[in-house]
Amino acid sequence: MDNKQEDRISKYLSAINHDMMFAELSSDYLGRIGAADILMGIPVPVRAADGSGDEGTTDAREIVFDMARVVGGDPFFVYAERYLDFIKHAAGEQAEPMLVSEGARSADSGDFEDACILLRAALRIEPKSCAALYLYGRVCKECQAEAAEDEERAAKFKAEALETFEILTIMHPEFAMGYYFLGYEYLNLGLYLKTKLTWQDFLKYSSGSELETQDMDDDMLAGLRDEIEGRLEELEEPIKIEDGCNRIMSGDYQGGKEILQPFCETGYRDWWPLWHYLGTAEVALGHTESAEKCFKEVLRLSPSNTDAMEELAAIYALAGDEINAAKYRNKIRIVRSNRESEIE
C-alpha cells in the first residue's frame, strides 16, 4: 500500500480511531527508552497508557500497537512517519512480523477491521512482506463480506483485495496461495481466461515440496488442488463465451457470432448479455431482423435494459418504422424517469 497514492479505504478505517486520545510523553521517559530524538514534542496515542510518562503506567508495546493503528487507519496522519520511526526503533527487525502476528490475532477473533489496520501498518514498514500481503488481502475480503449491504464500501474493500493479491503474485511469484485467491477475484469479475491462467499457476506452484503454503498440511492442500481442478473444468464454456464477446468487441463480428450462437440452445440462453452481444454482431453484419430478435430477447430477460431499447429504436428508425421507434424511445424515457424518482 503506497500512502502517496489515493487510499480507497482509509475513510472507513480511520473512524475506528476517533476515540483515540493523544498526549506527549515526558522527556525523562523518552530519554530512558532512547526515543527523545523521535518523539520529543510529538503527541502519541494513549488509549493503552495514561499519557503521564510514568514508566509504571506507560507500556511501550501497547504504544507501538496504537501507533500502528493510527498509521494503518490514516496513512496521511501528520505524525505517521515519526510513529513508524518509533515502531522500528522499539521493535527493530521484529516490527513487521510483530504487527503481522497481532493482525492475525485480531483476524482470528473476528475483528477484521483492526486486523486490516495493523497489516497496513506492517506493509508501511515492509511493503514486500509476503505474510502481510497475504493476510491483508484475506482480511479485506472479510471486510467486504461484512459490508455487503453497503455497496460502495464493499466495492472499495473488494478492489483493495484484488490489487493486493495481484501485488502478492508479482512480488512472490512462487507463493501458491496468492494465485488461489486471485483466481476467485477474477472469477467474480467474469474474467474467465485470466481466472484459468491464474489457477493454472496455483496448480503449478502448489505441487512442489519447497514452496510456501502457509504451513498447510498435505490433505488440505490436496483438497484445494482438487477444488481448483474441478473449477477449471467448469470454466471451459465461460472461456469460450468470453472469447466470443471479446471478438465482437474487437470487430470480429462473424467470428464472435459463430462462437456464441451454439450457446443459445444451452443453459446460457437465459443470460441476457449473450443476446446483446449477438444483437450487436447482427447489426454490424447488416442482419437487422436477427438483431431485432436478439434485442427483444434481451428485454424479455432484462425488461428495463435501456441499451437494448436504444438499439431497437435505431433499428426501427433505420427501417422507416417511426411508430415502433417512438414506442421504444418513450419506454426509455419512462425507465429513466422511474430510476431518477427512486434516487430522489
Protein backbone atom coordinates (compact mmCIF):
# COMPACT_ATOMS: atom_id res chain seq x y z
CA MET A 1 0.00 0.00 0.00
CA ASP A 2 1.58 3.29 -1.14
CA ASN A 3 0.48 6.16 1.08
CA LYS A 4 1.26 8.64 -1.72
CA GLN A 5 -1.48 7.12 -3.85
CA GLU A 6 -5.20 7.53 -3.35
CA ASP A 7 -6.26 5.38 -0.43
CA ARG A 8 -9.52 3.52 -1.03
CA ILE A 9 -10.44 2.51 2.48
CA SER A 10 -8.84 4.89 4.98
CA LYS A 11 -12.12 6.80 5.36
CA TYR A 12 -13.68 3.63 6.74
CA LEU A 13 -10.76 2.58 8.92
CA SER A 14 -9.76 5.95 10.34
CA ALA A 15 -13.18 6.25 12.02
CA ILE A 16 -12.16 3.39 14.33
CA ASN A 17 -9.55 5.65 15.93
CA HIS A 18 -11.83 8.63 16.57
CA ASP A 19 -11.88 7.91 20.30
CA MET A 20 -8.08 7.74 20.47
CA MET A 21 -6.57 10.32 22.84
CA PHE A 22 -3.10 11.82 22.44
CA ALA A 23 -0.57 13.17 24.91
CA GLU A 24 3.15 13.90 25.00
CA LEU A 25 5.44 11.52 26.86
CA SER A 26 7.81 13.01 29.43
CA SER A 27 11.37 13.84 28.46
CA ASP A 28 12.65 11.53 31.25
CA TYR A 29 10.72 8.57 29.88
CA LEU A 30 11.73 9.28 26.28
CA GLY A 31 15.33 9.52 27.41
CA ARG A 32 15.15 6.17 29.18
CA ILE A 33 13.81 4.41 26.07
CA GLY A 34 16.16 6.26 23.72
CA ALA A 35 13.39 7.89 21.70
CA ALA A 36 13.78 11.57 22.56
CA ASP A 37 15.00 12.42 19.05
CA ILE A 38 11.94 10.72 17.57
CA LEU A 39 9.06 11.68 19.87
CA MET A 40 10.07 14.77 21.82
CA GLY A 41 7.18 17.22 21.48
CA ILE A 42 5.15 14.70 19.48
CA PRO A 43 1.76 13.63 20.87
CA VAL A 44 1.31 9.86 20.95
CA PRO A 45 -1.85 7.75 21.17
CA VAL A 46 -2.67 6.94 24.79
CA ARG A 47 -5.58 4.53 24.62
CA ALA A 48 -3.37 1.99 26.37
CA ALA A 49 -1.43 4.45 28.53
CA ASP A 50 -2.41 7.39 30.70
CA GLY A 51 -0.03 9.78 28.93
CA SER A 52 1.71 10.87 32.10
CA GLY A 53 5.05 9.45 31.06
CA ASP A 54 5.21 7.41 34.26
CA GLU A 55 7.20 4.30 33.42
CA GLY A 56 4.87 2.29 35.62
CA THR A 57 1.82 3.15 33.55
CA THR A 58 3.26 3.62 30.05
CA ASP A 59 3.56 0.34 28.15
CA ALA A 60 5.84 0.87 25.11
CA ARG A 61 4.49 -2.27 23.42
CA GLU A 62 0.91 -1.02 23.61
CA ILE A 63 2.01 2.41 22.40
CA VAL A 64 3.60 0.68 19.40
CA PHE A 65 0.36 -1.11 18.57
CA ASP A 66 -1.74 2.03 18.97
CA MET A 67 0.69 3.99 16.80
CA ALA A 68 0.35 1.24 14.21
CA ARG A 69 -3.43 1.56 14.43
CA VAL A 70 -3.25 5.28 13.79
CA VAL A 71 -0.86 4.87 10.84
CA GLY A 72 -2.80 1.94 9.41
CA GLY A 73 -6.09 3.75 9.74
CA ASP A 74 -4.88 7.03 8.27
CA PRO A 75 -1.69 6.86 6.16
CA PHE A 76 -1.75 10.66 5.84
CA PHE A 77 -1.73 11.30 9.61
CA VAL A 78 0.57 14.22 10.35
CA TYR A 79 2.92 12.20 12.59
CA ALA A 80 2.74 8.94 10.64
CA GLU A 81 6.43 8.91 9.72
CA ARG A 82 7.51 9.67 13.30
CA TYR A 83 5.31 6.85 14.56
CA LEU A 84 6.82 4.45 12.04
CA ASP A 85 10.31 5.52 13.10
CA PHE A 86 9.44 4.80 16.71
CA ILE A 87 7.89 1.42 15.90
CA LYS A 88 11.09 0.41 14.10
CA HIS A 89 13.19 1.81 16.94
CA ALA A 90 11.21 -0.04 19.61
CA ALA A 91 10.79 -3.38 17.83
CA GLY A 92 13.78 -3.46 15.50
CA GLU A 93 13.70 -6.27 12.96
CA GLN A 94 10.66 -7.71 14.69
CA ALA A 95 8.48 -4.68 13.87
CA GLU A 96 6.84 -6.10 10.75
CA PRO A 97 6.39 -9.72 11.99
CA MET A 98 5.10 -8.40 15.34
CA LEU A 99 2.40 -6.34 13.60
CA VAL A 100 1.53 -9.24 11.29
CA SER A 101 1.16 -11.54 14.29
CA GLU A 102 -1.06 -9.03 16.12
CA GLY A 103 -3.10 -8.55 12.96
CA ALA A 104 -3.55 -12.30 12.66
CA ARG A 105 -4.77 -12.43 16.27
CA SER A 106 -7.34 -9.73 15.55
CA ALA A 107 -8.50 -11.63 12.47
CA ASP A 108 -8.78 -14.86 14.44
CA SER A 109 -11.01 -13.06 16.96
CA GLY A 110 -13.23 -11.73 14.15
CA ASP A 111 -12.09 -8.10 14.36
CA PHE A 112 -11.22 -7.83 10.68
CA GLU A 113 -11.03 -4.04 10.52
CA ASP A 114 -8.48 -3.96 13.34
CA ALA A 115 -6.54 -6.70 11.55
CA CYS A 116 -6.71 -4.66 8.37
CA ILE A 117 -5.30 -1.59 10.12
CA LEU A 118 -2.41 -3.47 11.73
CA LEU A 119 -1.47 -5.19 8.50
CA ARG A 120 -1.50 -1.89 6.63
CA ALA A 121 0.97 -0.57 9.17
CA ALA A 122 3.13 -3.67 8.70
CA LEU A 123 3.15 -3.00 4.95
CA ARG A 124 4.31 0.57 5.58
CA ILE A 125 7.34 -0.94 7.28
CA GLU A 126 7.92 -3.76 4.78
CA PRO A 127 5.85 -3.31 1.58
CA LYS A 128 7.08 -6.62 0.13
CA SER A 129 6.16 -8.77 3.13
CA CYS A 130 4.59 -11.97 1.81
CA ALA A 131 2.79 -12.71 5.09
CA ALA A 132 1.43 -9.16 5.43
CA LEU A 133 0.22 -9.01 1.81
CA TYR A 134 -1.42 -12.42 2.02
CA LEU A 135 -3.24 -11.74 5.28
CA TYR A 136 -4.14 -8.20 4.24
CA GLY A 137 -5.81 -9.46 1.07
CA ARG A 138 -7.77 -12.01 3.06
CA VAL A 139 -8.97 -9.60 5.75
CA CYS A 140 -10.02 -7.13 3.06
CA LYS A 141 -12.22 -9.90 1.66
CA GLU A 142 -13.71 -10.41 5.13
CA CYS A 143 -14.34 -6.66 5.45
CA GLN A 144 -16.01 -6.78 2.03
CA ALA A 145 -18.33 -9.54 3.22
CA GLU A 146 -19.23 -7.63 6.38
CA ALA A 147 -20.04 -4.53 4.31
CA ALA A 148 -22.27 -6.40 1.86
CA GLU A 149 -25.27 -4.12 2.42
CA ASP A 150 -23.12 -1.00 1.83
CA GLU A 151 -22.32 -1.43 -1.86
CA GLU A 152 -19.76 1.37 -2.08
CA ARG A 153 -17.88 0.19 0.99
CA ALA A 154 -17.92 -3.44 -0.18
CA ALA A 155 -16.66 -2.38 -3.63
CA LYS A 156 -13.72 -0.48 -2.10
CA PHE A 157 -12.60 -3.45 0.01
CA LYS A 158 -13.09 -5.75 -2.99
CA ALA A 159 -10.83 -3.56 -5.14
CA GLU A 160 -8.26 -3.43 -2.34
CA ALA A 161 -8.24 -7.22 -2.05
CA LEU A 162 -7.89 -7.68 -5.81
CA GLU A 163 -4.96 -5.28 -6.04
CA THR A 164 -3.28 -6.83 -3.01
CA PHE A 165 -3.45 -10.37 -4.40
CA GLU A 166 -2.13 -9.11 -7.75
CA ILE A 167 0.81 -7.44 -5.99
CA LEU A 168 1.38 -10.60 -3.95
CA THR A 169 1.69 -12.79 -7.06
CA ILE A 170 4.06 -10.27 -8.67
CA MET A 171 6.33 -9.88 -5.65
CA HIS A 172 6.17 -13.54 -4.60
CA PRO A 173 5.55 -15.47 -7.83
CA GLU A 174 6.12 -18.88 -6.23
CA PHE A 175 3.67 -18.34 -3.37
CA ALA A 176 0.82 -20.61 -4.42
CA MET A 177 -1.98 -19.28 -2.24
CA GLY A 178 -1.77 -15.85 -3.85
CA TYR A 179 -2.93 -17.39 -7.13
CA TYR A 180 -5.68 -19.34 -5.36
CA PHE A 181 -7.39 -16.22 -4.03
CA LEU A 182 -6.59 -14.04 -7.03
CA GLY A 183 -8.29 -16.58 -9.26
CA TYR A 184 -11.53 -16.18 -7.33
CA GLU A 185 -11.24 -12.39 -7.63
CA TYR A 186 -11.01 -12.70 -11.42
CA LEU A 187 -13.83 -15.24 -11.48
CA ASN A 188 -16.15 -12.84 -9.65
CA LEU A 189 -15.35 -10.20 -12.26
CA GLY A 190 -16.22 -12.56 -15.10
CA LEU A 191 -12.61 -12.62 -16.36
CA TYR A 192 -12.61 -16.31 -17.13
CA LEU A 193 -9.43 -16.60 -19.17
CA LYS A 194 -7.46 -14.69 -16.51
CA THR A 195 -9.04 -16.97 -13.91
CA LYS A 196 -7.90 -20.04 -15.81
CA LEU A 197 -4.31 -18.81 -16.21
CA THR A 198 -4.14 -17.76 -12.55
CA TRP A 199 -5.42 -21.09 -11.26
CA GLN A 200 -3.04 -22.96 -13.54
CA ASP A 201 -0.27 -21.08 -11.76
CA PHE A 202 -1.76 -22.16 -8.43
CA LEU A 203 -1.59 -25.80 -9.51
CA LYS A 204 1.95 -25.27 -10.78
CA TYR A 205 3.29 -23.66 -7.61
CA SER A 206 1.39 -25.78 -5.13
CA SER A 207 2.92 -29.01 -6.40
CA GLY A 208 6.45 -28.63 -5.03
CA SER A 209 7.58 -29.61 -1.56
CA GLU A 210 9.72 -26.47 -1.09
CA LEU A 211 7.08 -23.89 -1.93
CA GLU A 212 5.32 -21.75 0.65
CA THR A 213 1.81 -22.88 1.52
CA GLN A 214 1.35 -21.18 4.90
CA ASP A 215 2.21 -24.38 6.77
CA MET A 216 -0.75 -26.12 5.16
CA ASP A 217 -0.94 -29.86 5.69
CA ASP A 218 -0.86 -32.20 2.70
CA ASP A 219 -4.52 -33.20 2.94
CA MET A 220 -5.73 -29.59 2.98
CA LEU A 221 -3.51 -28.64 0.06
CA ALA A 222 -4.65 -31.71 -1.89
CA GLY A 223 -8.24 -30.66 -1.25
CA LEU A 224 -7.59 -27.18 -2.63
CA ARG A 225 -5.90 -28.63 -5.69
CA ASP A 226 -8.90 -30.93 -6.32
CA GLU A 227 -11.21 -27.95 -5.89
CA ILE A 228 -9.34 -25.84 -8.45
CA GLU A 229 -9.01 -28.69 -10.94
CA GLY A 230 -12.79 -29.05 -10.82
CA ARG A 231 -13.27 -25.31 -11.20
CA LEU A 232 -11.02 -25.29 -14.27
CA GLU A 233 -13.22 -27.89 -15.94
CA GLU A 234 -16.28 -25.70 -15.26
CA LEU A 235 -14.54 -22.74 -16.92
CA GLU A 236 -14.34 -24.29 -20.40
CA GLU A 237 -17.69 -22.91 -21.62
CA PRO A 238 -17.40 -19.47 -19.93
CA ILE A 239 -13.97 -19.04 -21.54
CA LYS A 240 -15.46 -19.74 -24.98
CA ILE A 241 -18.23 -17.22 -24.32
CA GLU A 242 -15.71 -14.65 -23.14
CA ASP A 243 -13.71 -15.22 -26.32
CA GLY A 244 -16.83 -14.71 -28.44
CA CYS A 245 -17.73 -11.50 -26.64
CA ASN A 246 -14.17 -10.18 -26.95
CA ARG A 247 -14.15 -10.92 -30.66
CA ILE A 248 -17.33 -8.92 -31.17
CA MET A 249 -15.99 -6.01 -29.09
CA SER A 250 -12.80 -6.02 -31.19
CA GLY A 251 -14.72 -6.00 -34.51
CA ASP A 252 -14.64 -9.69 -35.45
CA TYR A 253 -18.43 -9.85 -35.64
CA GLN A 254 -18.75 -13.03 -37.70
CA GLY A 255 -16.16 -14.91 -35.63
CA GLY A 256 -17.76 -13.84 -32.36
CA LYS A 257 -21.22 -14.73 -33.61
CA GLU A 258 -20.13 -18.23 -34.64
CA ILE A 259 -18.71 -18.85 -31.17
CA LEU A 260 -21.74 -17.52 -29.28
CA GLN A 261 -24.66 -18.86 -31.33
CA PRO A 262 -24.41 -22.50 -30.12
CA PHE A 263 -24.89 -21.29 -26.53
CA CYS A 264 -28.38 -20.03 -27.39
CA GLU A 265 -29.56 -23.64 -27.02
CA THR A 266 -27.87 -24.24 -23.68
CA GLY A 267 -28.34 -23.09 -20.12
CA TYR A 268 -26.78 -19.77 -21.11
CA ARG A 269 -29.86 -18.87 -23.17
CA ASP A 270 -31.26 -17.02 -20.13
CA TRP A 271 -28.13 -14.87 -19.79
CA TRP A 272 -29.18 -11.59 -21.37
CA PRO A 273 -25.64 -10.34 -22.27
CA LEU A 274 -25.33 -13.32 -24.64
CA TRP A 275 -28.23 -11.95 -26.71
CA HIS A 276 -26.91 -8.39 -26.50
CA TYR A 277 -23.53 -9.36 -27.92
CA LEU A 278 -25.22 -11.40 -30.64
CA GLY A 279 -27.51 -8.47 -31.44
CA THR A 280 -24.51 -6.16 -31.69
CA ALA A 281 -22.86 -8.58 -34.14
CA GLU A 282 -26.03 -8.93 -36.21
CA VAL A 283 -26.39 -5.14 -36.51
CA ALA A 284 -22.79 -4.83 -37.65
CA LEU A 285 -23.31 -7.62 -40.18
CA GLY A 286 -26.45 -5.93 -41.53
CA HIS A 287 -28.84 -8.64 -40.31
CA THR A 288 -31.50 -6.34 -38.89
CA GLU A 289 -34.22 -8.96 -38.43
CA SER A 290 -31.91 -11.23 -36.45
CA ALA A 291 -30.67 -8.24 -34.45
CA GLU A 292 -34.26 -7.27 -33.64
CA LYS A 293 -34.94 -10.76 -32.28
CA CYS A 294 -31.78 -10.70 -30.20
CA PHE A 295 -32.54 -7.37 -28.55
CA LYS A 296 -36.12 -8.44 -27.84
CA GLU A 297 -34.66 -11.47 -26.07
CA VAL A 298 -32.57 -9.06 -24.01
CA LEU A 299 -35.75 -7.23 -22.96
CA ARG A 300 -37.54 -10.47 -22.18
CA LEU A 301 -34.77 -11.32 -19.72
CA SER A 302 -33.95 -7.75 -18.62
CA PRO A 303 -37.12 -5.65 -19.13
CA SER A 304 -35.57 -2.32 -18.07
CA ASN A 305 -32.50 -2.60 -20.28
CA THR A 306 -32.35 0.80 -21.97
CA ASP A 307 -29.33 -0.17 -24.12
CA ALA A 308 -31.44 -2.81 -25.86
CA MET A 309 -34.31 -0.32 -26.21
CA GLU A 310 -31.95 2.18 -27.87
CA GLU A 311 -30.77 -0.49 -30.30
CA LEU A 312 -34.34 -1.39 -31.21
CA ALA A 313 -35.30 2.26 -31.64
CA ALA A 314 -32.34 2.70 -34.00
CA ILE A 315 -33.24 -0.44 -35.97
CA TYR A 316 -36.85 0.68 -36.45
CA ALA A 317 -35.83 4.25 -37.30
CA LEU A 318 -33.43 2.97 -39.96
CA ALA A 319 -36.22 0.83 -41.42
CA GLY A 320 -38.57 3.81 -41.52
CA ASP A 321 -40.85 2.36 -38.85
CA GLU A 322 -41.26 5.54 -36.83
CA ILE A 323 -44.17 4.16 -34.79
CA ASN A 324 -42.07 1.40 -33.21
CA ALA A 325 -39.03 3.66 -32.97
CA ALA A 326 -41.10 6.19 -31.00
CA LYS A 327 -42.51 3.40 -28.82
CA TYR A 328 -39.05 2.37 -27.64
CA ARG A 329 -37.88 5.96 -27.18
CA ASN A 330 -40.90 6.50 -24.94
CA LYS A 331 -40.07 3.34 -22.97
CA ILE A 332 -36.54 4.66 -22.45
CA ARG A 333 -37.89 7.94 -21.05
CA ILE A 334 -40.21 6.08 -18.66
CA VAL A 335 -37.46 3.77 -17.35
CA ARG A 336 -35.01 6.64 -16.82
CA SER A 337 -37.67 8.77 -15.15
CA ASN A 338 -38.52 5.93 -12.77
CA ARG A 339 -34.83 5.50 -11.90
CA GLU A 340 -34.46 9.20 -11.13
CA SER A 341 -37.55 9.06 -8.92
CA GLU A 342 -36.07 6.11 -6.99
CA ILE A 343 -32.83 8.03 -6.41
CA GLU A 344 -34.73 11.06 -5.11
